[in-house]
């Protein structure tokens, strides 16, 4: 059992999964710090979205303008037998994110799993719009361009993936988020 149903962390991370991007983009570092908040059977998607939105927009939090953020949500996957994450879409709409700034993304971007089996689930990423002067005219959230900078991932752990690729609902739904401290420092300071 965890020591509490709500936890936070600050952890040093060494990039391995996409190390080939280090030095190629402005946003991939070899070593970085990840800030996280976790819910172990307490709040789920709606609560995670509300907390993220309050922290992002509140003067007591980061104090950013609501129109500077775009979000991606899991758009579904035939192999997994899942459609778009309507619950996450509705949660973002409920805090005021307009439908045109909620982007559906595929499994490679918005479904989190640490390996071929084990706990997994859809996720929703927050992107800061750095403006049209950064990147190209076709840049989009979850794309390869530099205009939209992903800085926070809300992972909705709700399944266990079996060896046969089947998904079984977890007995307790959990939240695992990661906010990149280096990326947030870049955004707050308005630097590359």
N, C-alpha and C. Protein backbone atom coordinates (compact mmCIF):
# COMPACT_ATOMS: atom_id res chain seq x y z
N UNK A 1 0.84 -1.19 0.00
CA UNK A 1 0.00 0.00 0.00
C UNK A 1 0.88 1.25 0.00
N UNK A 2 0.51 2.26 -0.76
CA UNK A 2 1.29 3.50 -0.74
C UNK A 2 1.11 4.22 0.59
N UNK A 3 2.02 5.12 0.94
CA UNK A 3 1.90 5.86 2.20
C UNK A 3 0.72 6.84 2.19
N UNK A 4 0.22 7.20 1.02
CA UNK A 4 -0.93 8.10 0.89
C UNK A 4 -1.56 7.85 -0.48
N UNK A 5 -2.78 8.35 -0.66
CA UNK A 5 -3.47 8.19 -1.95
C UNK A 5 -3.12 9.32 -2.92
N UNK A 6 -2.49 10.38 -2.41
CA UNK A 6 -2.01 11.49 -3.24
C UNK A 6 -0.52 11.66 -2.93
N UNK A 7 0.29 11.65 -3.97
CA UNK A 7 1.74 11.75 -3.81
C UNK A 7 2.29 12.76 -4.82
N UNK A 8 3.48 13.30 -4.53
CA UNK A 8 4.20 14.14 -5.48
C UNK A 8 5.65 13.69 -5.50
N UNK A 9 6.34 14.07 -6.57
CA UNK A 9 7.76 13.70 -6.67
C UNK A 9 8.51 14.71 -7.51
N UNK A 10 9.81 14.73 -7.32
CA UNK A 10 10.75 15.43 -8.18
C UNK A 10 11.87 14.44 -8.41
N UNK A 11 12.01 13.97 -9.64
CA UNK A 11 12.99 12.92 -9.90
C UNK A 11 13.91 13.28 -11.06
N UNK A 12 15.17 12.95 -10.89
CA UNK A 12 16.13 13.12 -11.96
C UNK A 12 15.94 11.97 -12.95
N UNK A 13 15.89 12.32 -14.23
CA UNK A 13 15.64 11.33 -15.27
C UNK A 13 16.77 11.33 -16.29
N UNK A 14 17.13 10.16 -16.75
CA UNK A 14 18.10 10.01 -17.83
C UNK A 14 17.36 9.51 -19.05
N UNK A 15 17.43 10.25 -20.14
CA UNK A 15 16.66 9.93 -21.34
C UNK A 15 17.24 8.68 -22.00
N UNK A 16 16.39 7.68 -22.23
CA UNK A 16 16.83 6.48 -22.93
C UNK A 16 15.94 6.17 -24.13
N UNK A 17 14.63 6.29 -23.95
CA UNK A 17 13.69 5.88 -24.99
C UNK A 17 13.80 6.65 -26.29
N UNK A 18 14.20 7.91 -26.20
CA UNK A 18 14.33 8.73 -27.42
C UNK A 18 15.65 9.51 -27.39
N UNK A 19 16.70 8.84 -26.95
CA UNK A 19 18.01 9.50 -26.81
C UNK A 19 18.54 10.00 -28.15
N UNK A 20 18.07 9.40 -29.24
CA UNK A 20 18.52 9.85 -30.56
C UNK A 20 18.09 11.28 -30.87
N UNK A 21 17.16 11.85 -30.08
CA UNK A 21 16.71 13.22 -30.29
C UNK A 21 17.54 14.26 -29.54
N UNK A 22 18.40 13.81 -28.63
CA UNK A 22 19.23 14.75 -27.87
C UNK A 22 20.17 15.47 -28.84
N UNK A 23 20.15 16.80 -28.78
CA UNK A 23 20.99 17.60 -29.66
C UNK A 23 20.37 17.90 -31.01
N UNK A 24 19.27 17.23 -31.32
CA UNK A 24 18.59 17.44 -32.60
C UNK A 24 17.47 18.46 -32.45
N UNK A 25 16.80 18.43 -31.31
CA UNK A 25 15.72 19.38 -31.04
C UNK A 25 16.11 20.30 -29.88
N UNK A 26 15.33 21.35 -29.71
CA UNK A 26 15.55 22.26 -28.58
C UNK A 26 15.02 21.68 -27.27
N UNK A 27 14.26 20.61 -27.34
CA UNK A 27 13.53 20.16 -26.16
C UNK A 27 13.99 18.84 -25.56
N UNK A 28 14.96 18.17 -26.15
CA UNK A 28 15.42 16.89 -25.62
C UNK A 28 16.79 17.03 -24.99
N UNK A 29 16.87 16.75 -23.70
CA UNK A 29 18.12 16.79 -22.96
C UNK A 29 18.47 15.37 -22.51
N UNK A 30 19.75 15.12 -22.27
CA UNK A 30 20.17 13.80 -21.79
C UNK A 30 19.65 13.57 -20.37
N UNK A 31 19.78 14.59 -19.52
CA UNK A 31 19.36 14.50 -18.12
C UNK A 31 18.36 15.62 -17.88
N UNK A 32 17.29 15.32 -17.18
CA UNK A 32 16.30 16.34 -16.87
C UNK A 32 15.60 15.98 -15.56
N UNK A 33 14.83 16.93 -15.04
CA UNK A 33 14.09 16.68 -13.81
C UNK A 33 12.60 16.66 -14.13
N UNK A 34 11.92 15.67 -13.60
CA UNK A 34 10.49 15.51 -13.83
C UNK A 34 9.75 15.70 -12.53
N UNK A 35 8.80 16.65 -12.54
CA UNK A 35 7.93 16.86 -11.40
C UNK A 35 6.67 16.04 -11.62
N UNK A 36 6.16 15.40 -10.60
CA UNK A 36 4.98 14.56 -10.80
C UNK A 36 3.99 14.67 -9.66
N UNK A 37 2.74 14.43 -10.02
CA UNK A 37 1.72 14.23 -8.99
C UNK A 37 0.99 12.94 -9.33
N UNK A 38 0.61 12.24 -8.29
CA UNK A 38 0.06 10.90 -8.44
C UNK A 38 -1.21 10.75 -7.62
N UNK A 39 -2.15 10.02 -8.15
CA UNK A 39 -3.34 9.63 -7.41
C UNK A 39 -3.40 8.11 -7.43
N UNK A 40 -3.42 7.52 -6.27
CA UNK A 40 -3.53 6.07 -6.16
C UNK A 40 -4.95 5.77 -5.69
N UNK A 41 -5.86 5.63 -6.65
CA UNK A 41 -7.25 5.32 -6.32
C UNK A 41 -8.04 6.46 -5.73
N UNK A 42 -7.58 7.70 -5.89
CA UNK A 42 -8.30 8.86 -5.37
C UNK A 42 -8.99 9.55 -6.55
N UNK A 43 -8.52 10.68 -7.02
CA UNK A 43 -9.12 11.35 -8.17
C UNK A 43 -8.68 10.66 -9.47
N UNK A 44 -9.42 10.93 -10.55
CA UNK A 44 -9.03 10.35 -11.84
C UNK A 44 -8.99 11.45 -12.89
N UNK A 45 -9.45 11.22 -14.08
CA UNK A 45 -9.25 12.15 -15.20
C UNK A 45 -9.75 13.55 -14.92
N UNK A 46 -10.99 13.68 -14.47
CA UNK A 46 -11.54 15.01 -14.22
C UNK A 46 -10.71 15.75 -13.17
N UNK A 47 -10.37 15.09 -12.10
CA UNK A 47 -9.57 15.72 -11.05
C UNK A 47 -8.19 16.11 -11.52
N UNK A 48 -7.55 15.23 -12.30
CA UNK A 48 -6.21 15.54 -12.81
C UNK A 48 -6.24 16.74 -13.75
N UNK A 49 -7.25 16.79 -14.61
CA UNK A 49 -7.38 17.92 -15.54
C UNK A 49 -7.65 19.21 -14.78
N UNK A 50 -8.54 19.17 -13.81
CA UNK A 50 -8.84 20.38 -13.04
C UNK A 50 -7.61 20.89 -12.29
N UNK A 51 -6.84 19.99 -11.67
CA UNK A 51 -5.64 20.41 -10.95
C UNK A 51 -4.60 20.98 -11.91
N UNK A 52 -4.41 20.34 -13.04
CA UNK A 52 -3.44 20.82 -14.02
C UNK A 52 -3.83 22.20 -14.54
N UNK A 53 -5.10 22.36 -14.85
CA UNK A 53 -5.58 23.63 -15.41
C UNK A 53 -5.46 24.76 -14.38
N UNK A 54 -5.82 24.47 -13.14
CA UNK A 54 -5.70 25.49 -12.09
C UNK A 54 -4.24 25.89 -11.90
N UNK A 55 -3.35 24.91 -11.84
CA UNK A 55 -1.93 25.22 -11.66
C UNK A 55 -1.38 26.00 -12.84
N UNK A 56 -1.82 25.66 -14.06
CA UNK A 56 -1.33 26.32 -15.26
C UNK A 56 -1.80 27.77 -15.35
N UNK A 57 -3.07 28.02 -15.02
CA UNK A 57 -3.65 29.34 -15.26
C UNK A 57 -3.70 30.24 -14.03
N UNK A 58 -3.67 29.70 -12.85
CA UNK A 58 -3.85 30.48 -11.63
C UNK A 58 -2.66 31.41 -11.37
N UNK A 59 -2.95 32.64 -10.88
CA UNK A 59 -1.86 33.54 -10.49
C UNK A 59 -1.02 32.95 -9.36
N UNK A 60 -1.61 32.06 -8.57
CA UNK A 60 -0.86 31.40 -7.50
C UNK A 60 -0.06 30.22 -8.02
N UNK A 61 -0.31 29.83 -9.27
CA UNK A 61 0.44 28.75 -9.90
C UNK A 61 1.40 29.34 -10.92
N UNK A 62 1.31 28.88 -12.15
CA UNK A 62 2.20 29.36 -13.21
C UNK A 62 1.70 30.67 -13.83
N UNK A 63 0.41 30.94 -13.74
CA UNK A 63 -0.14 32.21 -14.20
C UNK A 63 -0.15 32.41 -15.71
N UNK A 64 -0.26 31.35 -16.47
CA UNK A 64 -0.28 31.48 -17.93
C UNK A 64 -1.68 31.79 -18.44
N UNK A 65 -1.73 32.45 -19.58
CA UNK A 65 -3.01 32.73 -20.25
C UNK A 65 -3.59 31.42 -20.78
N UNK A 66 -4.87 31.18 -20.57
CA UNK A 66 -5.49 29.93 -21.04
C UNK A 66 -5.29 29.67 -22.53
N UNK A 67 -5.27 30.74 -23.32
CA UNK A 67 -5.16 30.55 -24.78
C UNK A 67 -3.76 30.14 -25.23
N UNK A 68 -2.79 30.07 -24.33
CA UNK A 68 -1.44 29.66 -24.71
C UNK A 68 -1.24 28.15 -24.70
N UNK A 69 -2.25 27.40 -24.23
CA UNK A 69 -2.08 25.95 -24.13
C UNK A 69 -2.99 25.21 -25.11
N UNK A 70 -2.45 24.13 -25.64
CA UNK A 70 -3.19 23.15 -26.44
C UNK A 70 -3.04 21.83 -25.70
N UNK A 71 -4.00 20.94 -25.89
CA UNK A 71 -3.90 19.62 -25.27
C UNK A 71 -4.12 18.54 -26.32
N UNK A 72 -3.47 17.42 -26.10
CA UNK A 72 -3.73 16.24 -26.92
C UNK A 72 -4.38 15.20 -26.03
N UNK A 73 -5.22 14.39 -26.65
CA UNK A 73 -5.85 13.26 -25.97
C UNK A 73 -5.72 12.04 -26.87
N UNK A 74 -5.82 10.88 -26.27
CA UNK A 74 -5.75 9.62 -27.00
C UNK A 74 -6.90 9.56 -27.99
N UNK A 75 -6.55 9.36 -29.27
CA UNK A 75 -7.55 9.33 -30.33
C UNK A 75 -8.11 7.97 -30.65
N UNK A 76 -7.67 6.94 -29.92
CA UNK A 76 -8.16 5.59 -30.16
C UNK A 76 -7.15 4.75 -30.93
N UNK A 77 -7.36 3.44 -30.89
CA UNK A 77 -6.45 2.51 -31.58
C UNK A 77 -7.21 1.21 -31.83
N UNK A 78 -7.27 0.82 -33.10
CA UNK A 78 -7.99 -0.40 -33.47
C UNK A 78 -7.37 -1.64 -32.85
N UNK A 79 -6.04 -1.71 -32.83
CA UNK A 79 -5.37 -2.89 -32.27
C UNK A 79 -5.71 -3.06 -30.78
N UNK A 80 -5.81 -1.94 -30.07
CA UNK A 80 -6.17 -2.00 -28.65
C UNK A 80 -7.68 -2.16 -28.43
N UNK A 81 -8.45 -1.90 -29.49
CA UNK A 81 -9.90 -1.98 -29.36
C UNK A 81 -10.48 -0.81 -28.59
N UNK A 82 -9.80 0.33 -28.65
CA UNK A 82 -10.25 1.52 -27.91
C UNK A 82 -10.54 2.67 -28.87
N UNK A 83 -11.59 3.41 -28.59
CA UNK A 83 -11.90 4.62 -29.33
C UNK A 83 -11.29 5.83 -28.67
N UNK A 84 -11.62 7.02 -29.16
CA UNK A 84 -11.10 8.25 -28.55
C UNK A 84 -11.47 8.34 -27.07
N UNK A 85 -10.61 8.98 -26.30
CA UNK A 85 -10.82 9.13 -24.85
C UNK A 85 -11.82 10.27 -24.62
N UNK A 86 -13.09 9.94 -24.74
CA UNK A 86 -14.15 10.94 -24.60
C UNK A 86 -14.18 11.55 -23.20
N UNK A 87 -13.85 10.75 -22.19
CA UNK A 87 -13.84 11.26 -20.82
C UNK A 87 -12.82 12.39 -20.66
N UNK A 88 -11.64 12.22 -21.25
CA UNK A 88 -10.62 13.27 -21.18
C UNK A 88 -11.04 14.49 -22.00
N UNK A 89 -11.61 14.26 -23.16
CA UNK A 89 -12.08 15.38 -23.99
C UNK A 89 -13.08 16.22 -23.22
N UNK A 90 -14.04 15.56 -22.59
CA UNK A 90 -15.06 16.29 -21.83
C UNK A 90 -14.46 16.99 -20.61
N UNK A 91 -13.46 16.38 -19.99
CA UNK A 91 -12.81 17.03 -18.85
C UNK A 91 -12.14 18.33 -19.28
N UNK A 92 -11.44 18.31 -20.41
CA UNK A 92 -10.78 19.53 -20.89
C UNK A 92 -11.80 20.59 -21.27
N UNK A 93 -12.88 20.19 -21.91
CA UNK A 93 -13.93 21.15 -22.26
C UNK A 93 -14.52 21.77 -21.00
N UNK A 94 -14.67 20.97 -19.94
CA UNK A 94 -15.30 21.46 -18.71
C UNK A 94 -14.49 22.56 -18.02
N UNK A 95 -13.17 22.60 -18.25
CA UNK A 95 -12.36 23.67 -17.65
C UNK A 95 -12.17 24.85 -18.59
N UNK A 96 -12.76 24.76 -19.79
CA UNK A 96 -12.74 25.89 -20.71
C UNK A 96 -11.84 25.78 -21.91
N UNK A 97 -11.21 24.63 -22.14
CA UNK A 97 -10.38 24.49 -23.33
C UNK A 97 -11.32 24.30 -24.53
N UNK A 98 -11.25 25.17 -25.54
CA UNK A 98 -12.13 25.03 -26.69
C UNK A 98 -11.80 23.77 -27.51
N UNK A 99 -12.82 23.22 -28.13
CA UNK A 99 -12.67 21.97 -28.89
C UNK A 99 -11.57 22.06 -29.93
N UNK A 100 -11.37 23.23 -30.54
CA UNK A 100 -10.35 23.35 -31.60
C UNK A 100 -8.92 23.28 -31.05
N UNK A 101 -8.75 23.40 -29.72
CA UNK A 101 -7.42 23.26 -29.13
C UNK A 101 -7.24 21.93 -28.40
N UNK A 102 -8.17 20.99 -28.64
CA UNK A 102 -8.06 19.62 -28.13
C UNK A 102 -7.79 18.74 -29.34
N UNK A 103 -6.59 18.19 -29.41
CA UNK A 103 -6.13 17.46 -30.59
C UNK A 103 -6.07 15.96 -30.29
N UNK A 104 -6.66 15.16 -31.17
CA UNK A 104 -6.57 13.71 -31.02
C UNK A 104 -5.22 13.24 -31.53
N UNK A 105 -4.56 12.40 -30.76
CA UNK A 105 -3.25 11.87 -31.15
C UNK A 105 -3.28 10.35 -31.00
N UNK A 106 -2.40 9.71 -31.71
CA UNK A 106 -2.38 8.25 -31.76
C UNK A 106 -1.70 7.60 -30.57
N UNK A 107 -1.66 6.29 -30.67
CA UNK A 107 -1.11 5.47 -29.60
C UNK A 107 0.34 5.82 -29.28
N UNK A 108 1.13 6.13 -30.31
CA UNK A 108 2.55 6.42 -30.09
C UNK A 108 2.77 7.67 -29.25
N UNK A 109 1.81 8.59 -29.26
CA UNK A 109 1.94 9.83 -28.50
C UNK A 109 1.09 9.86 -27.23
N UNK A 110 -0.06 9.25 -27.26
CA UNK A 110 -1.00 9.41 -26.16
C UNK A 110 -1.56 8.11 -25.59
N UNK A 111 -0.71 7.09 -25.53
CA UNK A 111 -1.04 5.89 -24.77
C UNK A 111 0.24 5.46 -24.10
N UNK A 112 0.25 5.43 -22.77
CA UNK A 112 1.48 5.18 -22.02
C UNK A 112 1.55 3.74 -21.57
N UNK A 113 2.68 3.12 -21.86
CA UNK A 113 2.98 1.81 -21.32
C UNK A 113 4.49 1.70 -21.18
N UNK A 114 4.94 1.11 -20.07
CA UNK A 114 6.38 1.03 -19.80
C UNK A 114 7.03 -0.13 -20.53
N UNK A 115 6.26 -1.10 -20.93
CA UNK A 115 6.80 -2.27 -21.60
C UNK A 115 5.68 -3.02 -22.30
N UNK A 116 5.96 -4.20 -22.77
CA UNK A 116 4.95 -4.94 -23.52
C UNK A 116 3.78 -5.45 -22.67
N UNK A 117 3.98 -5.53 -21.35
CA UNK A 117 2.91 -5.95 -20.44
C UNK A 117 2.91 -5.03 -19.23
N UNK A 118 1.81 -5.10 -18.46
CA UNK A 118 1.75 -4.33 -17.22
C UNK A 118 0.79 -3.16 -17.28
N UNK A 119 0.79 -2.33 -16.24
CA UNK A 119 -0.12 -1.18 -16.17
C UNK A 119 0.10 -0.22 -17.34
N UNK A 120 -0.99 0.35 -17.84
CA UNK A 120 -0.93 1.25 -18.99
C UNK A 120 -2.22 2.05 -19.05
N UNK A 121 -2.26 2.98 -19.99
CA UNK A 121 -3.49 3.73 -20.18
C UNK A 121 -3.31 4.92 -21.09
N UNK A 122 -4.42 5.52 -21.48
CA UNK A 122 -4.35 6.71 -22.32
C UNK A 122 -3.77 7.87 -21.55
N UNK A 123 -3.27 8.87 -22.26
CA UNK A 123 -2.76 10.05 -21.59
C UNK A 123 -3.16 11.30 -22.35
N UNK A 124 -2.93 12.41 -21.72
CA UNK A 124 -3.26 13.71 -22.28
C UNK A 124 -2.07 14.62 -22.01
N UNK A 125 -1.57 15.25 -23.07
CA UNK A 125 -0.38 16.09 -22.94
C UNK A 125 -0.75 17.56 -23.13
N UNK A 126 -0.07 18.41 -22.37
CA UNK A 126 -0.25 19.85 -22.49
C UNK A 126 0.91 20.43 -23.29
N UNK A 127 0.57 21.31 -24.23
CA UNK A 127 1.55 21.94 -25.11
C UNK A 127 1.45 23.45 -24.99
N UNK A 128 2.59 24.09 -24.85
CA UNK A 128 2.66 25.55 -24.82
C UNK A 128 2.90 26.05 -26.24
N UNK A 129 2.05 26.96 -26.70
CA UNK A 129 2.20 27.55 -28.03
C UNK A 129 3.23 28.68 -27.94
N UNK A 130 4.41 28.44 -28.52
CA UNK A 130 5.51 29.41 -28.46
C UNK A 130 5.37 30.49 -29.52
N UNK A 131 4.34 30.39 -30.37
CA UNK A 131 4.07 31.43 -31.35
C UNK A 131 4.51 31.06 -32.75
N UNK A 132 3.91 31.72 -33.75
CA UNK A 132 4.20 31.39 -35.15
C UNK A 132 5.64 31.69 -35.57
N UNK A 133 6.33 32.54 -34.81
CA UNK A 133 7.71 32.85 -35.17
C UNK A 133 8.67 31.72 -34.80
N UNK A 134 8.19 30.73 -34.05
CA UNK A 134 9.00 29.57 -33.67
C UNK A 134 8.50 28.38 -34.49
N UNK A 135 9.37 27.77 -35.25
CA UNK A 135 8.96 26.61 -36.03
C UNK A 135 8.38 26.98 -37.37
N UNK A 136 7.71 26.02 -37.97
CA UNK A 136 7.19 26.21 -39.32
C UNK A 136 5.68 26.38 -39.36
N UNK A 137 5.15 26.69 -40.54
CA UNK A 137 3.71 26.96 -40.68
C UNK A 137 2.85 25.71 -40.46
N UNK A 138 3.41 24.53 -40.60
CA UNK A 138 2.65 23.30 -40.45
C UNK A 138 2.84 22.64 -39.08
N UNK A 139 3.49 23.33 -38.15
CA UNK A 139 3.68 22.77 -36.81
C UNK A 139 2.32 22.54 -36.15
N UNK A 140 2.25 21.48 -35.36
CA UNK A 140 1.03 21.15 -34.63
C UNK A 140 1.40 20.42 -33.34
N UNK A 141 0.55 20.50 -32.33
CA UNK A 141 0.80 19.71 -31.13
C UNK A 141 0.97 18.23 -31.49
N UNK A 142 1.90 17.56 -30.83
CA UNK A 142 2.26 16.15 -31.07
C UNK A 142 3.02 15.98 -32.37
N UNK A 143 3.43 17.08 -33.00
CA UNK A 143 4.24 17.00 -34.21
C UNK A 143 5.72 17.10 -33.88
N UNK A 144 6.51 17.18 -34.92
CA UNK A 144 7.97 17.24 -34.75
C UNK A 144 8.52 18.66 -34.71
N UNK A 145 7.68 19.66 -34.94
CA UNK A 145 8.15 21.04 -34.97
C UNK A 145 8.43 21.60 -33.59
N UNK A 146 8.92 22.83 -33.56
CA UNK A 146 9.34 23.47 -32.31
C UNK A 146 8.31 24.46 -31.75
N UNK A 147 7.27 24.79 -32.53
CA UNK A 147 6.32 25.81 -32.05
C UNK A 147 5.58 25.36 -30.80
N UNK A 148 5.07 24.15 -30.80
CA UNK A 148 4.29 23.63 -29.68
C UNK A 148 5.18 22.76 -28.81
N UNK A 149 5.42 23.20 -27.59
CA UNK A 149 6.32 22.50 -26.69
C UNK A 149 5.53 21.72 -25.66
N UNK A 150 5.65 20.40 -25.71
CA UNK A 150 4.98 19.55 -24.72
C UNK A 150 5.72 19.70 -23.40
N UNK A 151 4.99 20.00 -22.33
CA UNK A 151 5.65 20.20 -21.05
C UNK A 151 5.05 19.35 -19.93
N UNK A 152 3.87 18.77 -20.14
CA UNK A 152 3.23 18.04 -19.06
C UNK A 152 2.42 16.90 -19.63
N UNK A 153 2.56 15.73 -19.06
CA UNK A 153 1.82 14.55 -19.50
C UNK A 153 0.99 14.04 -18.32
N UNK A 154 -0.31 13.92 -18.55
CA UNK A 154 -1.21 13.35 -17.56
C UNK A 154 -1.52 11.93 -18.00
N UNK A 155 -1.03 10.95 -17.27
CA UNK A 155 -1.23 9.55 -17.65
C UNK A 155 -2.39 8.98 -16.82
N UNK A 156 -3.34 8.40 -17.51
CA UNK A 156 -4.52 7.83 -16.89
C UNK A 156 -4.37 6.31 -16.85
N UNK A 157 -3.78 5.81 -15.77
CA UNK A 157 -3.50 4.38 -15.65
C UNK A 157 -4.81 3.65 -15.30
N UNK A 158 -5.34 2.95 -16.29
CA UNK A 158 -6.61 2.27 -16.05
C UNK A 158 -6.65 0.83 -16.54
N UNK A 159 -5.58 0.36 -17.21
CA UNK A 159 -5.57 -1.00 -17.75
C UNK A 159 -4.30 -1.74 -17.35
N UNK A 160 -4.37 -3.04 -17.48
CA UNK A 160 -3.19 -3.91 -17.44
C UNK A 160 -3.15 -4.61 -18.78
N UNK A 161 -1.99 -4.50 -19.46
CA UNK A 161 -1.84 -5.17 -20.75
C UNK A 161 -1.29 -6.57 -20.51
N UNK A 162 -2.00 -7.55 -21.07
CA UNK A 162 -1.58 -8.94 -20.95
C UNK A 162 -0.57 -9.31 -22.02
N UNK A 163 0.01 -10.48 -21.88
CA UNK A 163 1.01 -10.95 -22.85
C UNK A 163 0.42 -11.09 -24.24
N UNK A 164 -0.89 -11.31 -24.33
CA UNK A 164 -1.55 -11.45 -25.63
C UNK A 164 -2.00 -10.10 -26.18
N UNK A 165 -1.67 -9.00 -25.49
CA UNK A 165 -2.05 -7.66 -25.94
C UNK A 165 -3.43 -7.24 -25.47
N UNK A 166 -4.09 -8.08 -24.69
CA UNK A 166 -5.43 -7.73 -24.21
C UNK A 166 -5.34 -6.74 -23.05
N UNK A 167 -6.38 -5.93 -22.92
CA UNK A 167 -6.45 -4.94 -21.84
C UNK A 167 -7.49 -5.37 -20.82
N UNK A 168 -7.08 -5.36 -19.56
CA UNK A 168 -7.98 -5.66 -18.44
C UNK A 168 -8.03 -4.42 -17.56
N UNK A 169 -9.22 -3.96 -17.19
CA UNK A 169 -9.28 -2.79 -16.30
C UNK A 169 -8.57 -3.06 -14.98
N UNK A 170 -7.80 -2.07 -14.51
CA UNK A 170 -7.15 -2.18 -13.20
C UNK A 170 -8.23 -2.10 -12.11
N UNK A 171 -8.01 -2.75 -10.97
CA UNK A 171 -9.00 -2.65 -9.89
C UNK A 171 -9.14 -1.23 -9.35
N UNK A 172 -8.08 -0.43 -9.48
CA UNK A 172 -8.08 0.96 -9.03
C UNK A 172 -7.50 1.83 -10.14
N UNK A 173 -8.22 2.86 -10.53
CA UNK A 173 -7.71 3.78 -11.55
C UNK A 173 -6.75 4.75 -10.88
N UNK A 174 -5.65 5.07 -11.58
CA UNK A 174 -4.59 5.87 -10.99
C UNK A 174 -4.15 6.98 -11.93
N UNK A 175 -3.55 8.01 -11.38
CA UNK A 175 -3.00 9.13 -12.14
C UNK A 175 -1.50 9.18 -11.90
N UNK A 176 -0.75 9.41 -12.98
CA UNK A 176 0.71 9.54 -12.94
C UNK A 176 1.04 10.68 -13.90
N UNK A 177 1.48 11.81 -13.39
CA UNK A 177 1.79 12.92 -14.29
C UNK A 177 3.29 13.22 -14.27
N UNK A 178 3.74 13.87 -15.32
CA UNK A 178 5.12 14.31 -15.40
C UNK A 178 5.21 15.67 -16.05
N UNK A 179 5.75 16.65 -15.33
CA UNK A 179 5.97 18.00 -15.84
C UNK A 179 7.48 18.22 -15.88
N UNK A 180 8.01 18.49 -17.07
CA UNK A 180 9.45 18.68 -17.22
C UNK A 180 9.90 20.02 -16.67
N UNK A 181 10.71 19.99 -15.61
CA UNK A 181 11.17 21.23 -14.97
C UNK A 181 11.99 22.08 -15.94
N UNK A 182 12.84 21.44 -16.75
CA UNK A 182 13.65 22.21 -17.70
C UNK A 182 12.78 22.88 -18.76
N UNK A 183 11.76 22.19 -19.23
CA UNK A 183 10.88 22.79 -20.23
C UNK A 183 10.05 23.92 -19.64
N UNK A 184 9.61 23.76 -18.39
CA UNK A 184 8.85 24.83 -17.76
C UNK A 184 9.74 26.05 -17.52
N UNK A 185 10.99 25.83 -17.15
CA UNK A 185 11.92 26.95 -16.98
C UNK A 185 12.11 27.70 -18.30
N UNK A 186 12.23 26.97 -19.38
CA UNK A 186 12.35 27.56 -20.72
C UNK A 186 11.13 28.44 -21.02
N UNK A 187 9.93 27.89 -20.77
CA UNK A 187 8.71 28.61 -21.05
C UNK A 187 8.59 29.85 -20.17
N UNK A 188 8.81 29.71 -18.87
CA UNK A 188 8.67 30.83 -17.94
C UNK A 188 9.65 31.97 -18.25
N UNK A 189 10.84 31.60 -18.71
CA UNK A 189 11.86 32.61 -19.00
C UNK A 189 11.79 33.13 -20.44
N UNK A 190 11.01 32.48 -21.29
CA UNK A 190 10.88 32.90 -22.67
C UNK A 190 12.18 32.75 -23.45
N UNK A 191 12.91 31.67 -23.19
CA UNK A 191 14.20 31.45 -23.85
C UNK A 191 14.19 30.11 -24.59
N UNK A 192 15.23 29.88 -25.40
CA UNK A 192 15.36 28.58 -26.07
C UNK A 192 16.01 27.58 -25.12
